[in-house]
Protein backbone atom coordinates (compact mmCIF):
# COMPACT_ATOMS: atom_id res chain seq x y z
CA MET A 1 172.79 90.37 76.01
CA THR A 2 169.42 91.32 74.58
CA SER A 3 166.14 89.73 75.54
CA GLN A 4 164.70 87.40 72.91
CA SER A 5 161.13 86.36 72.40
CA ILE A 6 160.12 82.71 72.33
CA THR A 7 159.57 82.96 68.58
CA ASP A 8 163.10 84.30 68.07
CA ILE A 9 164.58 81.48 70.15
CA VAL A 10 162.55 78.83 68.30
CA ASP A 11 163.69 80.29 64.96
CA HIS A 12 167.30 80.25 66.12
CA VAL A 13 167.11 76.62 67.32
CA THR A 14 165.40 75.58 64.06
CA LYS A 15 168.30 77.10 62.13
CA LEU A 16 170.74 75.29 64.45
CA ILE A 17 169.05 72.01 63.55
CA ALA A 18 169.26 72.78 59.82
CA GLY A 19 172.91 73.77 60.11
CA THR A 20 173.72 70.65 62.14
CA LYS A 21 172.12 68.39 59.53
CA LYS A 22 173.95 70.22 56.74
CA ARG A 23 177.42 70.28 58.35
CA PHE A 24 177.19 66.92 60.15
CA PRO A 25 175.20 64.71 57.74
CA VAL A 26 176.08 61.41 59.44
CA GLY A 27 173.64 60.97 62.37
CA SER A 28 175.88 58.56 64.23
CA GLN A 29 178.86 60.90 64.15
CA VAL A 30 180.09 61.63 67.68
CA LEU A 31 180.52 65.25 68.78
CA GLN A 32 182.34 66.19 71.96
CA PHE A 33 181.28 69.37 73.81
CA GLY A 34 180.33 70.37 77.34
CA GLY A 35 182.55 67.66 78.79
CA THR A 36 180.50 64.81 77.26
CA THR A 37 180.01 63.14 73.91
CA HIS A 38 176.82 63.26 71.86
CA THR A 39 175.80 61.88 68.51
CA VAL A 40 174.44 64.22 65.86
CA ASP A 41 171.07 62.45 66.10
CA GLN A 42 170.95 63.01 69.88
CA VAL A 43 171.70 66.72 69.46
CA THR A 44 169.15 67.25 66.70
CA SER A 45 166.54 65.20 68.59
CA SER A 46 167.00 67.27 71.76
CA LEU A 47 166.85 70.52 69.84
CA GLN A 48 163.73 69.37 67.97
CA THR A 49 162.07 68.48 71.31
CA PHE A 50 162.77 72.03 72.48
CA VAL A 51 161.21 73.48 69.30
CA THR A 52 158.17 71.18 69.58
CA ASN A 53 157.61 72.06 73.25
CA ARG A 54 157.96 75.80 72.72
CA THR A 55 155.63 75.71 69.74
CA ALA A 56 153.07 73.78 71.79
CA VAL A 57 153.35 76.37 74.58
CA ALA A 58 152.80 79.23 72.12
CA THR A 59 149.78 77.43 70.63
CA ALA A 60 148.35 76.74 74.09
CA ARG A 61 148.82 80.38 75.10
CA SER A 62 146.97 81.51 71.98
CA ALA A 63 144.14 79.07 72.70
CA LEU A 64 144.05 80.23 76.32
CA GLN A 65 143.81 83.87 75.25
CA VAL A 66 140.95 83.04 72.85
CA THR A 67 139.14 81.21 75.67
CA LEU A 68 139.73 84.06 78.13
CA ASP A 69 138.41 86.60 75.62
CA ALA A 70 135.30 84.48 75.00
CA ASP A 71 134.74 84.11 78.74
CA GLU A 72 135.19 87.83 79.34
CA ALA A 73 132.67 88.63 76.61
CA ALA A 74 130.06 86.16 77.87
CA ALA A 75 130.50 86.67 81.63
CA PRO A 76 128.31 89.79 82.15
CA ALA A 77 125.26 88.21 80.53
CA ILE A 78 125.77 84.92 82.35
CA LEU A 79 126.29 86.65 85.72
CA ALA A 80 123.09 88.67 85.17
CA LEU A 81 121.23 85.44 84.40
CA LEU A 82 122.74 83.84 87.51
CA GLY A 83 121.55 86.72 89.71
CA GLU A 84 118.02 86.66 88.29
CA TYR A 85 117.81 82.86 88.57
CA THR A 86 118.94 83.02 92.20
CA LYS A 87 116.23 85.61 92.94
CA PHE A 88 113.67 83.36 91.21
CA LEU A 89 114.74 80.34 93.31
CA ARG A 90 114.58 82.33 96.54
CA ALA A 91 111.13 83.66 95.62
CA THR A 92 109.94 80.16 94.67
CA PHE A 93 111.25 78.24 97.68
CA GLY A 94 111.25 81.01 100.30
CA THR A 95 112.82 79.75 103.51
CA ALA A 96 112.63 76.01 102.72
CA ALA A 97 116.17 75.07 103.74
CA ASP A 98 116.10 71.60 102.16
CA ALA A 99 114.95 72.91 98.77
CA LEU A 100 117.43 75.79 98.80
CA ALA A 101 120.23 73.39 99.79
CA ASP A 102 119.64 71.49 96.53
CA PHE A 103 120.76 74.69 94.76
CA ASP A 104 123.62 75.41 97.21
CA LEU A 105 121.69 78.36 98.61
CA THR A 106 121.13 79.17 102.27
CA PRO A 107 117.86 80.49 103.63
CA PRO A 108 117.85 84.18 104.53
CA LYS A 109 118.96 84.99 108.07
CA VAL A 110 116.27 86.07 110.50
CA PRO A 111 117.27 89.39 112.03
CA ALA A 112 118.01 89.24 115.74
CA PRO A 113 115.33 90.89 117.86
CA ARG A 114 116.28 94.39 118.94
CA THR A 115 116.74 95.12 122.60
CA ALA A 116 114.73 97.73 124.43
CA ALA A 117 117.77 100.02 124.54
CA GLU A 118 118.24 99.73 120.75
CA LYS A 119 114.56 100.52 120.20
CA ALA A 120 114.78 103.53 122.54
CA VAL A 121 117.85 104.87 120.70
CA ALA A 122 116.10 104.41 117.33
CA ALA A 123 113.00 106.25 118.60
CA ALA A 124 115.13 109.10 119.98
CA LYS A 125 117.00 109.43 116.68
CA ALA A 126 113.75 109.42 114.72
CA LYS A 127 112.30 112.11 116.98
CA ALA A 128 115.45 114.22 116.68
CA THR A 129 115.43 113.84 112.90
CA ARG A 130 111.79 114.95 112.69
CA ALA A 131 112.58 117.94 114.90
CA ALA A 132 115.65 118.85 112.85
CA ARG A 133 113.79 118.65 109.56
CA GLY A 134 110.61 120.28 110.76
CA THR A 135 107.44 120.23 108.70
CA THR A 136 108.75 121.26 105.30
CA SER A 137 108.30 120.26 101.68
CA ALA A 138 109.94 117.17 100.19
CA LYS A 139 112.68 119.25 98.51
CA GLN A 140 113.49 121.08 101.72
CA LYS A 141 113.65 117.81 103.65
CA LYS A 142 116.19 116.43 101.19
CA ALA A 143 118.36 119.50 101.69
CA VAL A 144 118.73 118.85 105.42
CA LYS A 145 121.90 116.88 106.03
CA GLY A 146 123.77 115.91 109.14
CA ASN A 147 124.37 113.22 111.66
CA VAL A 148 122.07 113.11 114.65
CA THR A 149 123.43 111.35 117.69
CA ALA A 150 121.22 110.20 120.49
CA THR A 151 122.10 108.81 123.88
CA VAL A 152 119.92 106.91 126.26
CA VAL A 153 120.58 106.92 129.96
CA VAL A 154 119.32 103.76 131.64
CA THR A 155 118.91 103.82 135.43
CA PRO A 156 118.81 100.57 137.37
CA ALA A 157 115.51 99.60 138.97
CA ALA A 158 116.83 99.36 142.54
CA PRO A 159 120.18 100.68 143.65
CA GLU A 160 122.46 98.19 145.33
CA PRO A 161 123.10 98.83 149.06
CA ALA A 162 126.54 100.17 149.82
CA PRO A 163 128.77 97.78 151.72
CA ALA A 164 129.19 98.44 155.45
CA PRO A 165 132.26 100.54 156.19
CA VAL A 166 135.18 98.66 157.58
CA THR A 167 136.81 100.28 160.60
CA GLN A 168 140.34 99.66 161.72
CA ALA A 169 140.83 98.73 165.34
CA ALA A 170 143.21 100.95 167.28
CA GLY A 171 146.62 99.55 168.18
CA PRO A 172 147.17 97.55 171.41
CA ALA A 173 146.06 99.33 174.52
CA THR A 174 148.77 100.34 176.87
CA GLY A 175 148.41 100.73 180.61
CA PRO A 176 149.38 103.73 182.69
CA GLN A 177 152.96 104.57 182.36
CA LYS A 178 155.16 104.80 185.36
CA GLY A 179 157.35 107.70 185.35
């Protein structure tokens, strides 16, 4: 069996309706098939409902495709406008949470303060980068590539005292043995 398009099926059913009306002109005539009885009018009405529904689906799909194409064409310009407008609102209202909430925007997050260890690692990396690059021209600095890793060893301020050693007592003492 070959696959048929919706249009082919609708054309076929339309021809079935025309043939039914031509060969069975009396609408009240009873036809028996599929284990039940149907009038000619019932058959043609059901087939016409099928044709009407499929035609409506095809029309809706065409309208959907036209709408999708229009949306796809307009989206880049609208998204650019959206981005610029959001920047404008953030610049206008800054960190005012109540004003930004009116536009469904959240205030920018405040970065968490860096710990002393993070600052020390950053300083060590910066120093290593400057040493690796040396004092060269801008072009030569751009040519230097690589990943510099830095480690920081942190020693505690006061070492903890070691716990007192635990000694095992010797087994039970025994007296002089008689022999």
